[in-house]
């Protein structure tokens, strides 16, 4: 006859192992999403820099037009 305490411990360890495995899968997914997010953030930062450059050029052009030809 098997020890009931041993059977309970075995079942508990199996549950823990399954939970850790699922947690590992979720952490992998979170890491992938964070990498995608970082990539999108970098793209957005580049777009903002380009937009700011264009904005400055337009402002400079408008300021020069208001002064008139030299």
PDB file of N, CA and C in Angstrom:
ATOM      1  N   UNK A   1       0.833  -1.178   0.000  1.00  0.00           N
ATOM      2  CA  UNK A   1       0.000   0.000   0.000  1.00  0.00           C
ATOM      3  C   UNK A   1       0.884   1.250   0.000  1.00  0.00           C
ATOM      4  N   UNK A   2       0.496   2.211  -0.832  1.00  0.00           N
ATOM      5  CA  UNK A   2       1.288   3.428  -0.953  1.00  0.00           C
ATOM      6  C   UNK A   2       0.956   4.413   0.159  1.00  0.00           C
ATOM      7  N   UNK A   3       1.907   5.251   0.428  1.00  0.00           N
ATOM      8  CA  UNK A   3       1.770   6.265   1.455  1.00  0.00           C
ATOM      9  C   UNK A   3       0.879   7.407   0.920  1.00  0.00           C
ATOM     10  N   UNK A   4      -0.274   7.705   1.571  1.00  0.00           N
ATOM     11  CA  UNK A   4      -1.152   8.781   1.088  1.00  0.00           C
ATOM     12  C   UNK A   4      -0.469  10.153   1.113  1.00  0.00           C
ATOM     13  N   UNK A   5       0.403  10.359   2.082  1.00  0.00           N
ATOM     14  CA  UNK A   5       1.132  11.633   2.159  1.00  0.00           C
ATOM     15  C   UNK A   5       2.020  11.806   0.922  1.00  0.00           C
ATOM     16  N   UNK A   6       2.651  10.719   0.515  1.00  0.00           N
ATOM     17  CA  UNK A   6       3.526  10.749  -0.660  1.00  0.00           C
ATOM     18  C   UNK A   6       2.712  11.036  -1.929  1.00  0.00           C
ATOM     19  N   UNK A   7       1.537  10.471  -2.033  1.00  0.00           N
ATOM     20  CA  UNK A   7       0.674  10.708  -3.194  1.00  0.00           C
ATOM     21  C   UNK A   7       0.226  12.169  -3.249  1.00  0.00           C
ATOM     22  N   UNK A   8      -0.118  12.727  -2.103  1.00  0.00           N
ATOM     23  CA  UNK A   8      -0.517  14.138  -2.057  1.00  0.00           C
ATOM     24  C   UNK A   8       0.646  15.043  -2.472  1.00  0.00           C
ATOM     25  N   UNK A   9       1.817  14.709  -1.978  1.00  0.00           N
ATOM     26  CA  UNK A   9       2.993  15.514  -2.326  1.00  0.00           C
ATOM     27  C   UNK A   9       3.297  15.418  -3.821  1.00  0.00           C
ATOM     28  N   UNK A  10       3.160  14.215  -4.375  1.00  0.00           N
ATOM     29  CA  UNK A  10       3.408  14.026  -5.802  1.00  0.00           C
ATOM     30  C   UNK A  10       2.410  14.850  -6.625  1.00  0.00           C
ATOM     31  N   UNK A  11       1.133  14.817  -6.245  1.00  0.00           N
ATOM     32  CA  UNK A  11       0.106  15.585  -6.953  1.00  0.00           C
ATOM     33  C   UNK A  11       0.384  17.086  -6.829  1.00  0.00           C
ATOM     34  N   UNK A  12       0.783  17.518  -5.647  1.00  0.00           N
ATOM     35  CA  UNK A  12       1.091  18.928  -5.429  1.00  0.00           C
ATOM     36  C   UNK A  12       2.281  19.371  -6.280  1.00  0.00           C
ATOM     37  N   UNK A  13       3.306  18.547  -6.341  1.00  0.00           N
ATOM     38  CA  UNK A  13       4.476  18.876  -7.157  1.00  0.00           C
ATOM     39  C   UNK A  13       4.118  18.934  -8.641  1.00  0.00           C
ATOM     40  N   UNK A  14       3.220  18.070  -9.087  1.00  0.00           N
ATOM     41  CA  UNK A  14       2.779  18.105 -10.483  1.00  0.00           C
ATOM     42  C   UNK A  14       2.024  19.405 -10.771  1.00  0.00           C
ATOM     43  N   UNK A  15       1.178  19.825  -9.840  1.00  0.00           N
ATOM     44  CA  UNK A  15       0.447  21.087 -10.006  1.00  0.00           C
ATOM     45  C   UNK A  15       1.412  22.272 -10.048  1.00  0.00           C
ATOM     46  N   UNK A  16       2.387  22.253  -9.150  1.00  0.00           N
ATOM     47  CA  UNK A  16       3.384  23.329  -9.113  1.00  0.00           C
ATOM     48  C   UNK A  16       4.166  23.356 -10.419  1.00  0.00           C
ATOM     49  N   UNK A  17       4.575  22.189 -10.888  1.00  0.00           N
ATOM     50  CA  UNK A  17       5.333  22.098 -12.132  1.00  0.00           C
ATOM     51  C   UNK A  17       4.517  22.634 -13.309  1.00  0.00           C
ATOM     52  N   UNK A  18       3.243  22.290 -13.366  1.00  0.00           N
ATOM     53  CA  UNK A  18       2.369  22.792 -14.431  1.00  0.00           C
ATOM     54  C   UNK A  18       2.209  24.302 -14.360  1.00  0.00           C
ATOM     55  N   UNK A  19       2.051  24.816 -13.145  1.00  0.00           N
ATOM     56  CA  UNK A  19       1.902  26.266 -12.966  1.00  0.00           C
ATOM     57  C   UNK A  19       3.166  27.007 -13.387  1.00  0.00           C
ATOM     58  N   UNK A  20       4.317  26.465 -13.028  1.00  0.00           N
ATOM     59  CA  UNK A  20       5.586  27.097 -13.394  1.00  0.00           C
ATOM     60  C   UNK A  20       5.764  27.069 -14.911  1.00  0.00           C
ATOM     61  N   UNK A  21       5.369  25.972 -15.529  1.00  0.00           N
ATOM     62  CA  UNK A  21       5.462  25.870 -16.984  1.00  0.00           C
ATOM     63  C   UNK A  21       4.577  26.918 -17.662  1.00  0.00           C
ATOM     64  N   UNK A  22       3.346  27.074 -17.188  1.00  0.00           N
ATOM     65  CA  UNK A  22       2.448  28.091 -17.753  1.00  0.00           C
ATOM     66  C   UNK A  22       2.999  29.494 -17.501  1.00  0.00           C
ATOM     67  N   UNK A  23       3.537  29.717 -16.310  1.00  0.00           N
ATOM     68  CA  UNK A  23       4.130  31.017 -15.989  1.00  0.00           C
ATOM     69  C   UNK A  23       5.283  31.325 -16.943  1.00  0.00           C
ATOM     70  N   UNK A  24       6.094  30.326 -17.228  1.00  0.00           N
ATOM     71  CA  UNK A  24       7.211  30.502 -18.152  1.00  0.00           C
ATOM     72  C   UNK A  24       6.708  30.895 -19.540  1.00  0.00           C
ATOM     73  N   UNK A  25       5.648  30.242 -20.010  1.00  0.00           N
ATOM     74  CA  UNK A  25       5.068  30.580 -21.312  1.00  0.00           C
ATOM     75  C   UNK A  25       4.554  32.021 -21.328  1.00  0.00           C
ATOM     76  N   UNK A  26       3.895  32.421 -20.262  1.00  0.00           N
ATOM     77  CA  UNK A  26       3.368  33.785 -20.173  1.00  0.00           C
ATOM     78  C   UNK A  26       4.511  34.802 -20.153  1.00  0.00           C
ATOM     79  N   UNK A  27       5.571  34.505 -19.432  1.00  0.00           N
ATOM     80  CA  UNK A  27       6.718  35.422 -19.370  1.00  0.00           C
ATOM     81  C   UNK A  27       7.371  35.567 -20.745  1.00  0.00           C
ATOM     82  N   UNK A  28       7.452  34.468 -21.501  1.00  0.00           N
ATOM     83  CA  UNK A  28       7.995  34.546 -22.859  1.00  0.00           C
ATOM     84  C   UNK A  28       7.135  35.468 -23.717  1.00  0.00           C
ATOM     85  N   UNK A  29       5.822  35.323 -23.620  1.00  0.00           N
ATOM     86  CA  UNK A  29       4.903  36.168 -24.386  1.00  0.00           C
ATOM     87  C   UNK A  29       5.045  37.638 -23.979  1.00  0.00           C
ATOM     88  N   UNK A  30       5.160  37.896 -22.688  1.00  0.00           N
ATOM     89  CA  UNK A  30       5.346  39.272 -22.209  1.00  0.00           C
ATOM     90  C   UNK A  30       6.639  39.854 -22.772  1.00  0.00           C
ATOM     91  N   UNK A  31       7.710  39.073 -22.760  1.00  0.00           N
ATOM     92  CA  UNK A  31       8.986  39.554 -23.301  1.00  0.00           C
ATOM     93  C   UNK A  31       8.874  39.877 -24.786  1.00  0.00           C
ATOM     94  N   UNK A  32       8.167  39.031 -25.539  1.00  0.00           N
ATOM     95  CA  UNK A  32       7.982  39.293 -26.965  1.00  0.00           C
ATOM     96  C   UNK A  32       7.200  40.585 -27.177  1.00  0.00           C
ATOM     97  N   UNK A  33       6.154  40.779 -26.392  1.00  0.00           N
ATOM     98  CA  UNK A  33       5.349  41.996 -26.525  1.00  0.00           C
ATOM     99  C   UNK A  33       6.160  43.236 -26.143  1.00  0.00           C
ATOM    100  N   UNK A  34       7.014  43.106 -25.138  1.00  0.00           N
ATOM    101  CA  UNK A  34       7.855  44.242 -24.739  1.00  0.00           C
ATOM    102  C   UNK A  34       8.855  44.585 -25.842  1.00  0.00           C
ATOM    103  N   UNK A  35       9.398  43.568 -26.508  1.00  0.00           N
ATOM    104  CA  UNK A  35      10.317  43.821 -27.615  1.00  0.00           C
ATOM    105  C   UNK A  35       9.596  44.550 -28.751  1.00  0.00           C
ATOM    106  N   UNK A  36       8.373  44.118 -29.061  1.00  0.00           N
ATOM    107  CA  UNK A  36       7.587  44.798 -30.093  1.00  0.00           C
ATOM    108  C   UNK A  36       7.311  46.244 -29.682  1.00  0.00           C
ATOM    109  N   UNK A  37       6.966  46.429 -28.424  1.00  0.00           N
ATOM    110  CA  UNK A  37       6.666  47.765 -27.917  1.00  0.00           C
ATOM    111  C   UNK A  37       7.893  48.667 -28.022  1.00  0.00           C
ATOM    112  N   UNK A  38       9.049  48.140 -27.689  1.00  0.00           N
ATOM    113  CA  UNK A  38      10.286  48.923 -27.757  1.00  0.00           C
ATOM    114  C   UNK A  38      10.593  49.306 -29.203  1.00  0.00           C
ATOM    115  N   UNK A  39      10.355  48.381 -30.117  1.00  0.00           N
ATOM    116  CA  UNK A  39      10.574  48.668 -31.534  1.00  0.00           C
ATOM    117  C   UNK A  39       9.637  49.778 -32.012  1.00  0.00           C
ATOM    118  N   UNK A  40       8.374  49.695 -31.621  1.00  0.00           N
ATOM    119  CA  UNK A  40       7.414  50.732 -32.001  1.00  0.00           C
ATOM    120  C   UNK A  40       7.763  52.074 -31.371  1.00  0.00           C
ATOM    121  N   UNK A  41       8.240  52.050 -30.131  1.00  0.00           N
ATOM    122  CA  UNK A  41       8.640  53.286 -29.464  1.00  0.00           C
ATOM    123  C   UNK A  41       9.811  53.933 -30.199  1.00  0.00           C
ATOM    124  N   UNK A  42      10.761  53.122 -30.639  1.00  0.00           N
ATOM    125  CA  UNK A  42      11.906  53.656 -31.380  1.00  0.00           C
ATOM    126  C   UNK A  42      11.447  54.261 -32.707  1.00  0.00           C
ATOM    127  N   UNK A  43      10.523  53.591 -33.392  1.00  0.00           N
ATOM    128  CA  UNK A  43       9.981  54.138 -34.645  1.00  0.00           C
ATOM    129  C   UNK A  43       9.272  55.462 -34.397  1.00  0.00           C
ATOM    130  N   UNK A  44       8.517  55.526 -33.332  1.00  0.00           N
ATOM    131  CA  UNK A  44       7.800  56.755 -32.995  1.00  0.00           C
ATOM    132  C   UNK A  44       8.776  57.887 -32.671  1.00  0.00           C
ATOM    133  N   UNK A  45       9.840  57.570 -31.953  1.00  0.00           N
ATOM    134  CA  UNK A  45      10.838  58.588 -31.616  1.00  0.00           C
ATOM    135  C   UNK A  45      11.486  59.135 -32.890  1.00  0.00           C
ATOM    136  N   UNK A  46      11.780  58.258 -33.832  1.00  0.00           N
ATOM    137  CA  UNK A  46      12.357  58.694 -35.106  1.00  0.00           C
ATOM    138  C   UNK A  46      11.380  59.586 -35.860  1.00  0.00           C
ATOM    139  N   UNK A  47      10.115  59.176 -35.897  1.00  0.00           N
ATOM    140  CA  UNK A  47       9.088  59.975 -36.568  1.00  0.00           C
ATOM    141  C   UNK A  47       8.972  61.353 -35.922  1.00  0.00           C
ATOM    142  N   UNK A  48       9.022  61.407 -34.609  1.00  0.00           N
ATOM    143  CA  UNK A  48       8.945  62.695 -33.897  1.00  0.00           C
ATOM    144  C   UNK A  48      10.130  63.588 -34.245  1.00  0.00           C
ATOM    145  N   UNK A  49      11.312  62.999 -34.334  1.00  0.00           N
ATOM    146  CA  UNK A  49      12.493  63.789 -34.685  1.00  0.00           C
ATOM    147  C   UNK A  49      12.376  64.362 -36.092  1.00  0.00           C
ATOM    148  N   UNK A  50      11.915  63.535 -37.036  1.00  0.00           N
ATOM    149  CA  UNK A  50      11.741  64.006 -38.414  1.00  0.00           C
ATOM    150  C   UNK A  50      10.681  65.101 -38.464  1.00  0.00           C
ATOM    151  N   UNK A  51       9.588  64.892 -37.756  1.00  0.00           N
ATOM    152  CA  UNK A  51       8.508  65.885 -37.733  1.00  0.00           C
ATOM    153  C   UNK A  51       9.016  67.215 -37.169  1.00  0.00           C
ATOM    154  N   UNK A  52       9.786  67.148 -36.091  1.00  0.00           N
ATOM    155  CA  UNK A  52      10.327  68.364 -35.476  1.00  0.00           C
ATOM    156  C   UNK A  52      11.254  69.082 -36.449  1.00  0.00           C
ATOM    157  N   UNK A  53      12.059  68.324 -37.189  1.00  0.00           N
ATOM    158  CA  UNK A  53      12.955  68.920 -38.174  1.00  0.00           C
ATOM    159  C   UNK A  53      12.143  69.644 -39.244  1.00  0.00           C
ATOM    160  N   UNK A  54      11.106  68.974 -39.777  1.00  0.00           N
ATOM    161  CA  UNK A  54      10.247  69.616 -40.781  1.00  0.00           C
ATOM    162  C   UNK A  54       9.558  70.852 -40.209  1.00  0.00           C
ATOM    163  N   UNK A  55       9.089  70.745 -38.982  1.00  0.00           N
ATOM    164  CA  UNK A  55       8.424  71.882 -38.344  1.00  0.00           C
ATOM    165  C   UNK A  55       9.377  73.073 -38.246  1.00  0.00           C
ATOM    166  N   UNK A  56      10.606  72.837 -37.847  1.00  0.00           N
ATOM    167  CA  UNK A  56      11.603  73.905 -37.751  1.00  0.00           C
ATOM    168  C   UNK A  56      11.892  74.520 -39.118  1.00  0.00           C
ATOM    169  N   UNK A  57      11.986  73.672 -40.143  1.00  0.00           N
ATOM    170  CA  UNK A  57      12.248  74.169 -41.498  1.00  0.00           C
ATOM    171  C   UNK A  57      11.087  75.032 -41.995  1.00  0.00           C
ATOM    172  N   UNK A  58       9.864  74.596 -41.738  1.00  0.00           N
ATOM    173  CA  UNK A  58       8.696  75.370 -42.161  1.00  0.00           C
ATOM    174  C   UNK A  58       8.660  76.699 -41.419  1.00  0.00           C
ATOM    175  N   UNK A  59       8.921  76.677 -40.129  1.00  0.00           N
ATOM    176  CA  UNK A  59       8.925  77.907 -39.335  1.00  0.00           C
ATOM    177  C   UNK A  59       9.983  78.875 -39.856  1.00  0.00           C
ATOM    178  N   UNK A  60      11.159  78.346 -40.159  1.00  0.00           N
ATOM    179  CA  UNK A  60      12.229  79.189 -40.672  1.00  0.00           C
ATOM    180  C   UNK A  60      11.829  79.762 -42.037  1.00  0.00           C
ATOM    181  N   UNK A  61      11.223  78.944 -42.870  1.00  0.00           N
ATOM    182  CA  UNK A  61      10.779  79.401 -44.192  1.00  0.00           C
ATOM    183  C   UNK A  61       9.716  80.490 -44.055  1.00  0.00           C
ATOM    184  N   UNK A  62       8.752  80.294 -43.173  1.00  0.00           N
ATOM    185  CA  UNK A  62       7.688  81.288 -42.964  1.00  0.00           C
ATOM    186  C   UNK A  62       8.260  82.591 -42.414  1.00  0.00           C
ATOM    187  N   UNK A  63       9.209  82.507 -41.511  1.00  0.00           N
ATOM    188  CA  UNK A  63       9.840  83.697 -40.937  1.00  0.00           C
ATOM    189  C   UNK A  63      10.584  84.467 -42.022  1.00  0.00           C
ATOM    190  N   UNK A  64      11.287  83.756 -42.891  1.00  0.00           N
ATOM    191  CA  UNK A  64      12.022  84.409 -43.981  1.00  0.00           C
ATOM    192  C   UNK A  64      11.072  85.067 -44.965  1.00  0.00           C
ATOM    193  N   UNK A  65       9.922  84.457 -45.240  1.00  0.00           N
ATOM    194  CA  UNK A  65       8.951  85.042 -46.172  1.00  0.00           C
ATOM    195  C   UNK A  65       8.337  86.311 -45.599  1.00  0.00           C
ATOM    196  N   UNK A  66       8.119  86.358 -44.290  1.00  0.00           N
ATOM    197  CA  UNK A  66       7.518  87.538 -43.660  1.00  0.00           C
ATOM    198  C   UNK A  66       8.462  88.733 -43.739  1.00  0.00           C
ATOM    199  N   UNK A  67       9.743  88.485 -43.715  1.00  0.00           N
ATOM    200  CA  UNK A  67      10.720  89.573 -43.785  1.00  0.00           C
ATOM    201  C   UNK A  67      10.790  90.165 -45.189  1.00  0.00           C
ATOM    202  N   UNK A  68      10.451  89.372 -46.166  1.00  0.00           N
ATOM    203  CA  UNK A  68      10.520  89.844 -47.544  1.00  0.00           C
ATOM    204  C   UNK A  68      11.872  89.551 -48.154  1.00  0.00           C
ATOM    205  N   UNK A  69      11.986  89.787 -49.464  1.00  0.00           N
ATOM    206  CA  UNK A  69      13.265  89.510 -50.142  1.00  0.00           C
ATOM    207  C   UNK A  69      14.345  90.483 -49.678  1.00  0.00           C
ATOM    208  N   UNK A  70      15.546  90.016 -49.712  1.00  0.00           N
ATOM    209  CA  UNK A  70      16.675  90.850 -49.269  1.00  0.00           C
ATOM    210  C   UNK A  70      17.323  91.540 -50.421  1.00  0.00           C
TER     211      UNK A  70
END
